[in-house]
Amino acid sequence: MKIYVKKAWEEFQRVIASLSNEARPEDVFLLIRDWLIKYDKLLLLDGVKEYSLQKYVELNINYYPIRYSSLKGEELTVFKRNVALSHRDLPGIARIIRDTLEQLIIVEADEYCPQCGKYGLGVYQEPHSKQIVLECNQCGYAMYKDKHLYDGKERLLPATEESLQISGYI
């Protein structure tokens, strides 16, 4: 399996390096998703499956605000450099991919976390009610748009582009 992981990671590095610095966020997402599909056995391995990368493979990008992502220009150049210099341990690979995919689909609200003070809260939605929930990726604090504490009963989903438009985040 080590050879499989090494081969997969080296191909990922090559594919990312081949991206133009002017690549659109949608192109970056699709490139990563296609790589995950090709190396789907990685998704089942300990050290990777904990990052739930499968949900990104199944994501219909037409519903999400990928085009608003900040992963372009200088940020894309930094991402490419980080991938080129990264090591090959599975949790590290999975974390890089998960963080990048989240950067591509999660919009950040220009708000401070009331618990830890971090600026920039991720905008999510409840799966059934579709209510907007803001979550701090530093301390995990989550609240509704009206500042009431989120009860945490449902696993949050990335907010769709439609929900973000309706709520005024894009």
Protein backbone atom coordinates (compact mmCIF):
# COMPACT_ATOMS: atom_id res chain seq x y z
CA MET A 1 0.00 0.00 0.00
CA LYS A 2 2.92 2.35 0.62
CA ILE A 3 3.80 2.25 -3.08
CA TYR A 4 0.19 3.05 -3.98
CA VAL A 5 0.15 6.06 -1.62
CA LYS A 6 3.52 7.29 -2.90
CA LYS A 7 2.42 6.96 -6.53
CA ALA A 8 -0.89 8.71 -5.82
CA TRP A 9 0.76 11.59 -3.95
CA GLU A 10 3.42 12.10 -6.60
CA GLU A 11 0.73 12.25 -9.28
CA PHE A 12 -1.23 14.75 -7.15
CA GLN A 13 1.88 16.92 -6.88
CA ARG A 14 2.41 16.77 -10.66
CA VAL A 15 -1.21 17.60 -11.43
CA ILE A 16 -1.27 20.53 -9.00
CA ALA A 17 2.08 21.82 -10.33
CA SER A 18 0.64 21.77 -13.86
CA LEU A 19 -2.18 24.15 -12.88
CA SER A 20 -1.93 27.59 -14.38
CA ASN A 21 -1.63 30.37 -11.81
CA GLU A 22 -4.72 31.81 -13.49
CA ALA A 23 -6.76 28.62 -12.96
CA ARG A 24 -10.32 29.18 -11.79
CA PRO A 25 -11.35 27.77 -8.40
CA GLU A 26 -13.82 25.47 -10.19
CA ASP A 27 -10.94 23.96 -12.19
CA VAL A 28 -8.93 23.37 -9.00
CA PHE A 29 -11.91 21.68 -7.34
CA LEU A 30 -12.58 19.42 -10.33
CA LEU A 31 -8.92 18.49 -10.62
CA ILE A 32 -8.79 17.44 -6.95
CA ARG A 33 -12.12 15.63 -7.20
CA ASP A 34 -10.97 13.70 -10.28
CA TRP A 35 -7.79 12.71 -8.46
CA LEU A 36 -9.84 11.48 -5.47
CA ILE A 37 -12.03 9.43 -7.81
CA LYS A 38 -8.98 7.90 -9.51
CA TYR A 39 -7.38 7.02 -6.15
CA ASP A 40 -10.59 6.16 -4.33
CA LYS A 41 -8.88 3.38 -2.33
CA LEU A 42 -7.11 6.12 -0.39
CA LEU A 43 -10.45 7.30 0.98
CA LEU A 44 -10.87 4.06 2.91
CA LEU A 45 -7.48 4.04 4.62
CA ASP A 46 -6.92 4.84 8.28
CA GLY A 47 -5.56 8.34 8.50
CA VAL A 48 -7.66 9.43 5.52
CA LYS A 49 -11.20 8.18 6.11
CA GLU A 50 -11.44 10.35 9.24
CA TYR A 51 -11.38 13.43 6.98
CA SER A 52 -14.59 12.40 5.14
CA LEU A 53 -13.22 13.23 1.71
CA GLN A 54 -15.87 11.07 0.02
CA LYS A 55 -18.48 13.79 0.59
CA TYR A 56 -16.50 16.12 -1.68
CA VAL A 57 -16.37 13.52 -4.45
CA GLU A 58 -20.18 13.37 -4.38
CA LEU A 59 -20.66 17.15 -4.27
CA ASN A 60 -22.47 18.79 -7.18
CA ILE A 61 -20.41 21.93 -7.72
CA ASN A 62 -23.28 23.66 -9.49
CA TYR A 63 -24.92 24.31 -6.11
CA TYR A 64 -21.91 25.69 -4.25
CA PRO A 65 -20.11 29.06 -4.33
CA ILE A 66 -16.78 27.75 -5.60
CA ARG A 67 -16.37 30.67 -7.99
CA TYR A 68 -16.25 33.00 -4.97
CA SER A 69 -13.33 31.13 -3.41
CA SER A 70 -10.18 33.02 -2.55
CA LEU A 71 -8.05 30.15 -3.89
CA LYS A 72 -6.77 31.99 -6.94
CA GLY A 73 -3.84 34.20 -7.83
CA GLU A 74 -1.32 34.41 -4.99
CA GLU A 75 -3.25 31.97 -2.77
CA LEU A 76 -3.19 29.40 -5.56
CA THR A 77 0.56 29.92 -5.97
CA VAL A 78 1.07 29.35 -2.24
CA PHE A 79 -1.11 26.23 -2.36
CA LYS A 80 0.91 24.84 -5.27
CA ARG A 81 4.16 25.53 -3.41
CA ASN A 82 2.85 23.84 -0.23
CA VAL A 83 1.80 20.73 -2.16
CA ALA A 84 5.19 20.55 -3.87
CA LEU A 85 7.01 20.72 -0.51
CA SER A 86 4.65 18.49 1.46
CA HIS A 87 5.51 15.13 2.89
CA ARG A 88 3.72 11.88 2.16
CA ASP A 89 2.12 10.79 5.43
CA LEU A 90 -1.53 9.94 4.94
CA PRO A 91 -3.06 12.22 7.57
CA GLY A 92 -1.02 15.13 6.21
CA ILE A 93 -2.16 14.45 2.66
CA ALA A 94 -5.79 14.12 3.75
CA ARG A 95 -5.62 17.33 5.79
CA ILE A 96 -4.17 19.33 2.88
CA ILE A 97 -6.86 18.05 0.55
CA ARG A 98 -9.71 18.55 3.03
CA ASP A 99 -8.58 22.09 3.94
CA THR A 100 -8.24 23.00 0.27
CA LEU A 101 -11.65 21.63 -0.65
CA GLU A 102 -13.21 23.52 2.26
CA GLN A 103 -11.48 26.70 1.16
CA LEU A 104 -13.03 26.17 -2.25
CA ILE A 105 -16.63 25.63 -1.06
CA ILE A 106 -17.00 27.38 2.31
CA VAL A 107 -17.62 31.13 2.28
CA GLU A 108 -16.31 33.08 5.25
CA ALA A 109 -18.44 35.71 6.92
CA ASP A 110 -16.79 38.96 7.96
CA GLU A 111 -17.56 38.38 11.62
CA TYR A 112 -15.66 37.63 14.80
CA CYS A 113 -16.19 34.53 16.91
CA PRO A 114 -17.80 35.62 20.20
CA GLN A 115 -15.97 32.83 22.02
CA CYS A 116 -12.34 33.07 20.85
CA GLY A 117 -12.27 36.29 18.83
CA LYS A 118 -11.08 34.75 15.55
CA TYR A 119 -12.07 36.77 12.50
CA GLY A 120 -13.83 34.96 9.64
CA LEU A 121 -16.55 32.44 10.41
CA GLY A 122 -17.46 29.67 7.98
CA VAL A 123 -21.00 29.89 6.61
CA TYR A 124 -22.86 26.57 6.76
CA GLN A 125 -26.47 25.47 6.75
CA GLU A 126 -28.58 22.94 8.58
CA PRO A 127 -29.45 20.03 6.29
CA HIS A 128 -33.23 20.07 6.87
CA SER A 129 -34.21 23.62 7.77
CA LYS A 130 -31.52 25.18 5.54
CA GLN A 131 -30.96 27.81 8.24
CA ILE A 132 -27.60 29.58 8.04
CA VAL A 133 -25.12 28.74 10.79
CA LEU A 134 -21.78 30.49 11.31
CA GLU A 135 -18.98 28.31 12.67
CA CYS A 136 -15.52 29.14 13.95
CA ASN A 137 -12.92 26.75 12.55
CA GLN A 138 -10.60 27.56 15.44
CA CYS A 139 -12.73 26.79 18.52
CA GLY A 140 -15.82 25.15 16.97
CA TYR A 141 -18.29 27.71 18.29
CA ALA A 142 -21.40 27.84 16.09
CA MET A 143 -24.31 30.25 16.02
CA TYR A 144 -27.23 31.15 13.84
CA LYS A 145 -27.12 34.29 11.75
CA ASP A 146 -29.13 36.07 14.48
CA LYS A 147 -26.30 35.24 16.97
CA HIS A 148 -28.22 32.56 18.92
CA LEU A 149 -26.10 29.54 19.85
CA TYR A 150 -26.44 26.60 17.46
CA ASP A 151 -27.70 23.50 19.27
CA GLY A 152 -25.46 21.12 17.29
CA LYS A 153 -28.14 18.49 16.74
CA GLU A 154 -27.47 18.13 13.02
CA ARG A 155 -24.20 17.86 11.14
CA LEU A 156 -23.79 21.10 9.22
CA LEU A 157 -23.43 21.22 5.45
CA PRO A 158 -21.67 23.83 3.34
CA ALA A 159 -24.10 26.60 2.49
CA THR A 160 -25.32 26.49 -1.09
CA GLU A 161 -24.85 29.46 -3.38
CA GLU A 162 -28.62 30.03 -3.31
CA SER A 163 -28.72 30.10 0.51
CA LEU A 164 -25.76 32.47 0.60
CA GLN A 165 -27.43 34.83 -1.87
CA ILE A 166 -30.72 34.82 0.05
CA SER A 167 -28.94 35.48 3.36
CA GLY A 168 -26.75 38.22 1.87
CA TYR A 169 -23.33 36.56 2.24
CA ILE A 170 -22.62 36.74 -1.50
